[in-house]
Amino acid sequence: MKFKLYATLRQAVGSKEVEVDVEPGARIGDALEKLFEKHPSLRAVVLDEQGELRHHYHLFINGRDIRYQAGMDTPVQPDDVIALFPPVAGG
């Protein structure tokens, strides 16, 4: 599965994409754990103290926001593309 990272997340890992392997029946939370195994510093940036996605971050599976699905329990497939967006400000 492929994570596409944007803005400051790209800078943090030094790449715009990260590949991870997930088992059949995995959920987005499992996929994030695989991402954090490769880039541990992202955990505190992306998740809050309860292990939930921080309020201003957005996580999409094949273009669909997990907040309108099953949240961190949303099922994922090995060929899914995950887009992770940090908060962005500007004027």
PDB file of N, CA and C in Angstrom:
ATOM      1  N   MET A   1       0.841  -1.159   0.000  1.00  0.00           N
ATOM      2  CA  MET A   1       0.000   0.000   0.000  1.00  0.00           C
ATOM      3  C   MET A   1       0.890   1.226   0.000  1.00  0.00           C
ATOM      4  N   LYS A   2       0.387   2.278  -0.570  1.00  0.00           N
ATOM      5  CA  LYS A   2       1.177   3.493  -0.729  1.00  0.00           C
ATOM      6  C   LYS A   2       0.582   4.633   0.094  1.00  0.00           C
ATOM      7  N   PHE A   3       1.425   5.269   0.900  1.00  0.00           N
ATOM      8  CA  PHE A   3       1.061   6.510   1.573  1.00  0.00           C
ATOM      9  C   PHE A   3       1.614   7.656   0.748  1.00  0.00           C
ATOM     10  N   LYS A   4       0.762   8.604   0.405  1.00  0.00           N
ATOM     11  CA  LYS A   4       1.206   9.847  -0.216  1.00  0.00           C
ATOM     12  C   LYS A   4       1.205  10.900   0.883  1.00  0.00           C
ATOM     13  N   LEU A   5       2.338  11.556   1.050  1.00  0.00           N
ATOM     14  CA  LEU A   5       2.504  12.542   2.112  1.00  0.00           C
ATOM     15  C   LEU A   5       2.598  13.935   1.508  1.00  0.00           C
ATOM     16  N   TYR A   6       2.098  14.910   2.229  1.00  0.00           N
ATOM     17  CA  TYR A   6       2.038  16.273   1.720  1.00  0.00           C
ATOM     18  C   TYR A   6       2.667  17.258   2.692  1.00  0.00           C
ATOM     19  N   ALA A   7       3.099  18.383   2.140  1.00  0.00           N
ATOM     20  CA  ALA A   7       3.619  19.537   2.883  1.00  0.00           C
ATOM     21  C   ALA A   7       4.716  19.124   3.863  1.00  0.00           C
ATOM     22  N   THR A   8       4.569  19.467   5.132  1.00  0.00           N
ATOM     23  CA  THR A   8       5.611  19.227   6.131  1.00  0.00           C
ATOM     24  C   THR A   8       5.881  17.739   6.352  1.00  0.00           C
ATOM     25  N   LEU A   9       4.915  16.886   6.068  1.00  0.00           N
ATOM     26  CA  LEU A   9       5.144  15.451   6.230  1.00  0.00           C
ATOM     27  C   LEU A   9       6.162  14.946   5.209  1.00  0.00           C
ATOM     28  N   ARG A  10       6.117  15.485   4.007  1.00  0.00           N
ATOM     29  CA  ARG A  10       7.121  15.134   2.991  1.00  0.00           C
ATOM     30  C   ARG A  10       8.510  15.513   3.469  1.00  0.00           C
ATOM     31  N   GLN A  11       8.606  16.704   4.032  1.00  0.00           N
ATOM     32  CA  GLN A  11       9.898  17.180   4.531  1.00  0.00           C
ATOM     33  C   GLN A  11      10.390  16.305   5.673  1.00  0.00           C
ATOM     34  N   ALA A  12       9.488  15.866   6.539  1.00  0.00           N
ATOM     35  CA  ALA A  12       9.864  15.068   7.707  1.00  0.00           C
ATOM     36  C   ALA A  12      10.440  13.707   7.332  1.00  0.00           C
ATOM     37  N   VAL A  13       9.914  13.091   6.270  1.00  0.00           N
ATOM     38  CA  VAL A  13      10.397  11.760   5.882  1.00  0.00           C
ATOM     39  C   VAL A  13      11.340  11.801   4.686  1.00  0.00           C
ATOM     40  N   GLY A  14      11.434  12.930   4.012  1.00  0.00           N
ATOM     41  CA  GLY A  14      12.327  13.060   2.881  1.00  0.00           C
ATOM     42  C   GLY A  14      11.821  12.421   1.604  1.00  0.00           C
ATOM     43  N   SER A  15      10.504  12.212   1.535  1.00  0.00           N
ATOM     44  CA  SER A  15       9.921  11.580   0.355  1.00  0.00           C
ATOM     45  C   SER A  15       8.442  11.938   0.280  1.00  0.00           C
ATOM     46  N   LYS A  16       7.904  11.916  -0.930  1.00  0.00           N
ATOM     47  CA  LYS A  16       6.475  12.203  -1.073  1.00  0.00           C
ATOM     48  C   LYS A  16       5.625  10.944  -0.977  1.00  0.00           C
ATOM     49  N   GLU A  17       6.260   9.763  -1.042  1.00  0.00           N
ATOM     50  CA  GLU A  17       5.524   8.501  -0.936  1.00  0.00           C
ATOM     51  C   GLU A  17       6.292   7.507  -0.084  1.00  0.00           C
ATOM     52  N   VAL A  18       5.540   6.681   0.650  1.00  0.00           N
ATOM     53  CA  VAL A  18       6.118   5.608   1.456  1.00  0.00           C
ATOM     54  C   VAL A  18       5.279   4.358   1.216  1.00  0.00           C
ATOM     55  N   GLU A  19       5.939   3.266   0.877  1.00  0.00           N
ATOM     56  CA  GLU A  19       5.264   1.979   0.676  1.00  0.00           C
ATOM     57  C   GLU A  19       5.289   1.197   1.985  1.00  0.00           C
ATOM     58  N   VAL A  20       4.154   0.573   2.341  1.00  0.00           N
ATOM     59  CA  VAL A  20       4.080  -0.319   3.502  1.00  0.00           C
ATOM     60  C   VAL A  20       3.309  -1.572   3.094  1.00  0.00           C
ATOM     61  N   ASP A  21       3.580  -2.657   3.788  1.00  0.00           N
ATOM     62  CA  ASP A  21       2.867  -3.913   3.560  1.00  0.00           C
ATOM     63  C   ASP A  21       1.850  -4.105   4.674  1.00  0.00           C
ATOM     64  N   VAL A  22       0.635  -4.497   4.311  1.00  0.00           N
ATOM     65  CA  VAL A  22      -0.404  -4.788   5.305  1.00  0.00           C
ATOM     66  C   VAL A  22      -0.962  -6.185   5.060  1.00  0.00           C
ATOM     67  N   GLU A  23      -1.436  -6.779   6.127  1.00  0.00           N
ATOM     68  CA  GLU A  23      -2.047  -8.098   6.067  1.00  0.00           C
ATOM     69  C   GLU A  23      -3.488  -7.986   5.584  1.00  0.00           C
ATOM     70  N   PRO A  24      -4.028  -9.050   5.001  1.00  0.00           N
ATOM     71  CA  PRO A  24      -5.459  -9.050   4.654  1.00  0.00           C
ATOM     72  C   PRO A  24      -6.298  -8.780   5.904  1.00  0.00           C
ATOM     73  N   GLY A  25      -7.343  -7.979   5.753  1.00  0.00           N
ATOM     74  CA  GLY A  25      -8.203  -7.632   6.879  1.00  0.00           C
ATOM     75  C   GLY A  25      -7.686  -6.475   7.714  1.00  0.00           C
ATOM     76  N   ALA A  26      -6.611  -5.834   7.264  1.00  0.00           N
ATOM     77  CA  ALA A  26      -6.027  -4.712   8.007  1.00  0.00           C
ATOM     78  C   ALA A  26      -6.960  -3.510   7.994  1.00  0.00           C
ATOM     79  N   ARG A  27      -6.761  -2.652   8.961  1.00  0.00           N
ATOM     80  CA  ARG A  27      -7.500  -1.392   9.077  1.00  0.00           C
ATOM     81  C   ARG A  27      -6.505  -0.243   8.908  1.00  0.00           C
ATOM     82  N   ILE A  28      -7.017   0.945   8.732  1.00  0.00           N
ATOM     83  CA  ILE A  28      -6.133   2.093   8.516  1.00  0.00           C
ATOM     84  C   ILE A  28      -5.200   2.298   9.707  1.00  0.00           C
ATOM     85  N   GLY A  29      -5.667   1.996  10.912  1.00  0.00           N
ATOM     86  CA  GLY A  29      -4.798   2.092  12.093  1.00  0.00           C
ATOM     87  C   GLY A  29      -3.593   1.173  11.978  1.00  0.00           C
ATOM     88  N   ASP A  30      -3.787  -0.024  11.429  1.00  0.00           N
ATOM     89  CA  ASP A  30      -2.687  -0.969  11.214  1.00  0.00           C
ATOM     90  C   ASP A  30      -1.703  -0.416  10.185  1.00  0.00           C
ATOM     91  N   ALA A  31      -2.241   0.165   9.125  1.00  0.00           N
ATOM     92  CA  ALA A  31      -1.387   0.738   8.079  1.00  0.00           C
ATOM     93  C   ALA A  31      -0.557   1.898   8.643  1.00  0.00           C
ATOM     94  N   LEU A  32      -1.179   2.718   9.482  1.00  0.00           N
ATOM     95  CA  LEU A  32      -0.433   3.816  10.103  1.00  0.00           C
ATOM     96  C   LEU A  32       0.686   3.274  10.975  1.00  0.00           C
ATOM     97  N   GLU A  33       0.438   2.193  11.695  1.00  0.00           N
ATOM     98  CA  GLU A  33       1.487   1.585  12.519  1.00  0.00           C
ATOM     99  C   GLU A  33       2.675   1.172  11.665  1.00  0.00           C
ATOM    100  N   LYS A  34       2.421   0.634  10.495  1.00  0.00           N
ATOM    101  CA  LYS A  34       3.502   0.262   9.570  1.00  0.00           C
ATOM    102  C   LYS A  34       4.279   1.509   9.122  1.00  0.00           C
ATOM    103  N   LEU A  35       3.546   2.596   8.863  1.00  0.00           N
ATOM    104  CA  LEU A  35       4.200   3.856   8.507  1.00  0.00           C
ATOM    105  C   LEU A  35       5.070   4.346   9.659  1.00  0.00           C
ATOM    106  N   PHE A  36       4.551   4.269  10.892  1.00  0.00           N
ATOM    107  CA  PHE A  36       5.302   4.742  12.059  1.00  0.00           C
ATOM    108  C   PHE A  36       6.514   3.861  12.358  1.00  0.00           C
ATOM    109  N   GLU A  37       6.458   2.585  11.983  1.00  0.00           N
ATOM    110  CA  GLU A  37       7.631   1.720  12.138  1.00  0.00           C
ATOM    111  C   GLU A  37       8.778   2.229  11.271  1.00  0.00           C
ATOM    112  N   LYS A  38       8.457   2.724  10.092  1.00  0.00           N
ATOM    113  CA  LYS A  38       9.474   3.261   9.187  1.00  0.00           C
ATOM    114  C   LYS A  38       9.891   4.676   9.572  1.00  0.00           C
ATOM    115  N   HIS A  39       8.948   5.436  10.109  1.00  0.00           N
ATOM    116  CA  HIS A  39       9.192   6.849  10.449  1.00  0.00           C
ATOM    117  C   HIS A  39       8.575   7.154  11.815  1.00  0.00           C
ATOM    118  N   PRO A  40       9.236   6.721  12.899  1.00  0.00           N
ATOM    119  CA  PRO A  40       8.673   6.847  14.251  1.00  0.00           C
ATOM    120  C   PRO A  40       8.327   8.275  14.669  1.00  0.00           C
ATOM    121  N   SER A  41       9.049   9.254  14.167  1.00  0.00           N
ATOM    122  CA  SER A  41       8.797  10.642  14.579  1.00  0.00           C
ATOM    123  C   SER A  41       7.424  11.137  14.134  1.00  0.00           C
ATOM    124  N   LEU A  42       6.807  10.481  13.168  1.00  0.00           N
ATOM    125  CA  LEU A  42       5.493  10.922  12.684  1.00  0.00           C
ATOM    126  C   LEU A  42       4.365  10.633  13.672  1.00  0.00           C
ATOM    127  N   ARG A  43       4.535   9.615  14.526  1.00  0.00           N
ATOM    128  CA  ARG A  43       3.444   9.214  15.423  1.00  0.00           C
ATOM    129  C   ARG A  43       2.920  10.395  16.253  1.00  0.00           C
ATOM    130  N   ALA A  44       3.793  11.083  16.948  1.00  0.00           N
ATOM    131  CA  ALA A  44       3.370  12.188  17.814  1.00  0.00           C
ATOM    132  C   ALA A  44       2.843  13.377  17.021  1.00  0.00           C
ATOM    133  N   VAL A  45       3.242  13.470  15.782  1.00  0.00           N
ATOM    134  CA  VAL A  45       2.795  14.568  14.929  1.00  0.00           C
ATOM    135  C   VAL A  45       1.390  14.301  14.397  1.00  0.00           C
ATOM    136  N   VAL A  46       1.116  13.058  14.013  1.00  0.00           N
ATOM    137  CA  VAL A  46      -0.126  12.698  13.329  1.00  0.00           C
ATOM    138  C   VAL A  46      -1.243  12.296  14.295  1.00  0.00           C
ATOM    139  N   LEU A  47      -0.879  11.594  15.384  1.00  0.00           N
ATOM    140  CA  LEU A  47      -1.893  11.093  16.328  1.00  0.00           C
ATOM    141  C   LEU A  47      -1.881  11.867  17.631  1.00  0.00           C
ATOM    142  N   ASP A  48      -3.061  11.965  18.255  1.00  0.00           N
ATOM    143  CA  ASP A  48      -3.146  12.597  19.573  1.00  0.00           C
ATOM    144  C   ASP A  48      -2.838  11.562  20.664  1.00  0.00           C
ATOM    145  N   GLU A  49      -2.991  11.953  21.919  1.00  0.00           N
ATOM    146  CA  GLU A  49      -2.662  11.090  23.050  1.00  0.00           C
ATOM    147  C   GLU A  49      -3.563   9.854  23.139  1.00  0.00           C
ATOM    148  N   GLN A  50      -4.742   9.890  22.531  1.00  0.00           N
ATOM    149  CA  GLN A  50      -5.662   8.759  22.527  1.00  0.00           C
ATOM    150  C   GLN A  50      -5.471   7.851  21.308  1.00  0.00           C
ATOM    151  N   GLY A  51      -4.494   8.176  20.481  1.00  0.00           N
ATOM    152  CA  GLY A  51      -4.232   7.379  19.293  1.00  0.00           C
ATOM    153  C   GLY A  51      -5.149   7.685  18.129  1.00  0.00           C
ATOM    154  N   GLU A  52      -5.831   8.808  18.196  1.00  0.00           N
ATOM    155  CA  GLU A  52      -6.715   9.242  17.112  1.00  0.00           C
ATOM    156  C   GLU A  52      -6.006  10.269  16.244  1.00  0.00           C
ATOM    157  N   LEU A  53      -6.456  10.361  15.018  1.00  0.00           N
ATOM    158  CA  LEU A  53      -5.917  11.346  14.087  1.00  0.00           C
ATOM    159  C   LEU A  53      -6.130  12.748  14.652  1.00  0.00           C
ATOM    160  N   ARG A  54      -5.065  13.533  14.670  1.00  0.00           N
ATOM    161  CA  ARG A  54      -5.200  14.916  15.171  1.00  0.00           C
ATOM    162  C   ARG A  54      -6.246  15.668  14.349  1.00  0.00           C
ATOM    163  N   HIS A  55      -6.927  16.582  15.021  1.00  0.00           N
ATOM    164  CA  HIS A  55      -8.090  17.272  14.462  1.00  0.00           C
ATOM    165  C   HIS A  55      -7.841  17.904  13.091  1.00  0.00           C
ATOM    166  N   HIS A  56      -6.709  18.530  12.898  1.00  0.00           N
ATOM    167  CA  HIS A  56      -6.477  19.268  11.655  1.00  0.00           C
ATOM    168  C   HIS A  56      -5.788  18.445  10.571  1.00  0.00           C
ATOM    169  N   TYR A  57      -5.542  17.163  10.846  1.00  0.00           N
ATOM    170  CA  TYR A  57      -4.974  16.274   9.837  1.00  0.00           C
ATOM    171  C   TYR A  57      -6.104  15.588   9.088  1.00  0.00           C
ATOM    172  N   HIS A  58      -5.851  15.284   7.827  1.00  0.00           N
ATOM    173  CA  HIS A  58      -6.853  14.593   7.008  1.00  0.00           C
ATOM    174  C   HIS A  58      -6.214  13.355   6.397  1.00  0.00           C
ATOM    175  N   LEU A  59      -6.968  12.256   6.451  1.00  0.00           N
ATOM    176  CA  LEU A  59      -6.490  10.976   5.958  1.00  0.00           C
ATOM    177  C   LEU A  59      -7.535  10.419   5.003  1.00  0.00           C
ATOM    178  N   PHE A  60      -7.120  10.181   3.768  1.00  0.00           N
ATOM    179  CA  PHE A  60      -8.023   9.696   2.722  1.00  0.00           C
ATOM    180  C   PHE A  60      -7.553   8.343   2.214  1.00  0.00           C
ATOM    181  N   ILE A  61      -8.489   7.424   2.037  1.00  0.00           N
ATOM    182  CA  ILE A  61      -8.213   6.138   1.418  1.00  0.00           C
ATOM    183  C   ILE A  61      -8.864   6.173   0.042  1.00  0.00           C
ATOM    184  N   ASN A  62      -8.056   6.140  -0.983  1.00  0.00           N
ATOM    185  CA  ASN A  62      -8.561   6.209  -2.361  1.00  0.00           C
ATOM    186  C   ASN A  62      -9.518   7.391  -2.546  1.00  0.00           C
ATOM    187  N   GLY A  63      -9.156   8.527  -1.953  1.00  0.00           N
ATOM    188  CA  GLY A  63      -9.937   9.737  -2.114  1.00  0.00           C
ATOM    189  C   GLY A  63     -11.105   9.902  -1.156  1.00  0.00           C
ATOM    190  N   ARG A  64     -11.305   8.957  -0.238  1.00  0.00           N
ATOM    191  CA  ARG A  64     -12.438   9.034   0.699  1.00  0.00           C
ATOM    192  C   ARG A  64     -11.931   9.279   2.118  1.00  0.00           C
ATOM    193  N   ASP A  65     -12.408  10.322   2.762  1.00  0.00           N
ATOM    194  CA  ASP A  65     -12.007  10.720   4.107  1.00  0.00           C
ATOM    195  C   ASP A  65     -12.439   9.657   5.121  1.00  0.00           C
ATOM    196  N   ILE A  66     -11.495   9.215   5.977  1.00  0.00           N
ATOM    197  CA  ILE A  66     -11.823   8.177   6.955  1.00  0.00           C
ATOM    198  C   ILE A  66     -12.825   8.664   7.986  1.00  0.00           C
ATOM    199  N   ARG A  67     -12.930   9.979   8.174  1.00  0.00           N
ATOM    200  CA  ARG A  67     -13.887  10.506   9.157  1.00  0.00           C
ATOM    201  C   ARG A  67     -15.332  10.226   8.750  1.00  0.00           C
ATOM    202  N   TYR A  68     -15.560   9.990   7.470  1.00  0.00           N
ATOM    203  CA  TYR A  68     -16.908   9.694   6.979  1.00  0.00           C
ATOM    204  C   TYR A  68     -17.073   8.206   6.701  1.00  0.00           C
ATOM    205  N   GLN A  69     -16.109   7.430   7.178  1.00  0.00           N
ATOM    206  CA  GLN A  69     -16.185   5.973   7.079  1.00  0.00           C
ATOM    207  C   GLN A  69     -16.164   5.438   8.516  1.00  0.00           C
ATOM    208  N   ALA A  70     -15.276   4.540   8.825  1.00  0.00           N
ATOM    209  CA  ALA A  70     -15.211   3.951  10.173  1.00  0.00           C
ATOM    210  C   ALA A  70     -14.021   4.482  10.967  1.00  0.00           C
ATOM    211  N   GLY A  71     -13.550   5.679  10.613  1.00  0.00           N
ATOM    212  CA  GLY A  71     -12.422   6.258  11.337  1.00  0.00           C
ATOM    213  C   GLY A  71     -11.198   5.369  11.253  1.00  0.00           C
ATOM    214  N   MET A  72     -10.505   5.190  12.386  1.00  0.00           N
ATOM    215  CA  MET A  72      -9.284   4.386  12.426  1.00  0.00           C
ATOM    216  C   MET A  72      -9.557   2.901  12.193  1.00  0.00           C
ATOM    217  N   ASP A  73     -10.819   2.498  12.235  1.00  0.00           N
ATOM    218  CA  ASP A  73     -11.188   1.101  11.968  1.00  0.00           C
ATOM    219  C   ASP A  73     -11.561   0.847  10.509  1.00  0.00           C
ATOM    220  N   THR A  74     -11.412   1.846   9.660  1.00  0.00           N
ATOM    221  CA  THR A  74     -11.742   1.686   8.242  1.00  0.00           C
ATOM    222  C   THR A  74     -10.846   0.620   7.621  1.00  0.00           C
ATOM    223  N   PRO A  75     -11.429  -0.378   6.975  1.00  0.00           N
ATOM    224  CA  PRO A  75     -10.623  -1.428   6.337  1.00  0.00           C
ATOM    225  C   PRO A  75      -9.806  -0.878   5.169  1.00  0.00           C
ATOM    226  N   VAL A  76      -8.640  -1.479   4.969  1.00  0.00           N
ATOM    227  CA  VAL A  76      -7.779  -1.124   3.846  1.00  0.00           C
ATOM    228  C   VAL A  76      -7.391  -2.386   3.087  1.00  0.00           C
ATOM    229  N   GLN A  77      -7.013  -2.191   1.847  1.00  0.00           N
ATOM    230  CA  GLN A  77      -6.564  -3.274   0.971  1.00  0.00           C
ATOM    231  C   GLN A  77      -5.117  -2.995   0.553  1.00  0.00           C
ATOM    232  N   PRO A  78      -4.354  -4.035   0.230  1.00  0.00           N
ATOM    233  CA  PRO A  78      -2.953  -3.840  -0.137  1.00  0.00           C
ATOM    234  C   PRO A  78      -2.710  -2.888  -1.307  1.00  0.00           C
ATOM    235  N   ASP A  79      -3.678  -2.717  -2.194  1.00  0.00           N
ATOM    236  CA  ASP A  79      -3.474  -1.834  -3.344  1.00  0.00           C
ATOM    237  C   ASP A  79      -4.048  -0.432  -3.142  1.00  0.00           C
ATOM    238  N   ASP A  80      -4.496  -0.112  -1.929  1.00  0.00           N
ATOM    239  CA  ASP A  80      -5.044   1.216  -1.649  1.00  0.00           C
ATOM    240  C   ASP A  80      -3.960   2.285  -1.672  1.00  0.00           C
ATOM    241  N   VAL A  81      -4.394   3.504  -1.967  1.00  0.00           N
ATOM    242  CA  VAL A  81      -3.527   4.673  -1.883  1.00  0.00           C
ATOM    243  C   VAL A  81      -4.068   5.548  -0.762  1.00  0.00           C
ATOM    244  N   ILE A  82      -3.198   5.831   0.205  1.00  0.00           N
ATOM    245  CA  ILE A  82      -3.567   6.614   1.376  1.00  0.00           C
ATOM    246  C   ILE A  82      -2.930   7.993   1.235  1.00  0.00           C
ATOM    247  N   ALA A  83      -3.722   9.038   1.356  1.00  0.00           N
ATOM    248  CA  ALA A  83      -3.218  10.407   1.310  1.00  0.00           C
ATOM    249  C   ALA A  83      -3.324  10.998   2.705  1.00  0.00           C
ATOM    250  N   LEU A  84      -2.213  11.511   3.201  1.00  0.00           N
ATOM    251  CA  LEU A  84      -2.153  12.092   4.545  1.00  0.00           C
ATOM    252  C   LEU A  84      -1.753  13.558   4.424  1.00  0.00           C
ATOM    253  N   PHE A  85      -2.665  14.427   4.861  1.00  0.00           N
ATOM    254  CA  PHE A  85      -2.477  15.878   4.762  1.00  0.00           C
ATOM    255  C   PHE A  85      -2.331  16.494   6.144  1.00  0.00           C
ATOM    256  N   PRO A  86      -1.250  17.237   6.389  1.00  0.00           N
ATOM    257  CA  PRO A  86      -1.124  17.986   7.638  1.00  0.00           C
ATOM    258  C   PRO A  86      -1.912  19.295   7.525  1.00  0.00           C
ATOM    259  N   PRO A  87      -2.066  19.999   8.652  1.00  0.00           N
ATOM    260  CA  PRO A  87      -2.732  21.302   8.556  1.00  0.00           C
ATOM    261  C   PRO A  87      -1.898  22.250   7.698  1.00  0.00           C
ATOM    262  N   VAL A  88      -2.583  23.057   6.926  1.00  0.00           N
ATOM    263  CA  VAL A  88      -1.909  24.014   6.054  1.00  0.00           C
ATOM    264  C   VAL A  88      -2.555  25.367   6.275  1.00  0.00           C
ATOM    265  N   ALA A  89      -1.714  26.381   6.378  1.00  0.00           N
ATOM    266  CA  ALA A  89      -2.218  27.741   6.551  1.00  0.00           C
ATOM    267  C   ALA A  89      -1.602  28.631   5.480  1.00  0.00           C
ATOM    268  N   GLY A  90      -2.259  29.682   5.208  1.00  0.00           N
ATOM    269  CA  GLY A  90      -1.730  30.607   4.219  1.00  0.00           C
ATOM    270  C   GLY A  90      -2.739  31.704   3.970  1.00  0.00           C
ATOM    271  N   GLY A  91      -2.364  32.570   3.124  1.00  0.00           N
ATOM    272  CA  GLY A  91      -3.261  33.670   2.897  1.00  0.00           C
ATOM    273  C   GLY A  91      -3.293  34.130   1.512  1.00  0.00           C
TER     274      GLY A  91
END
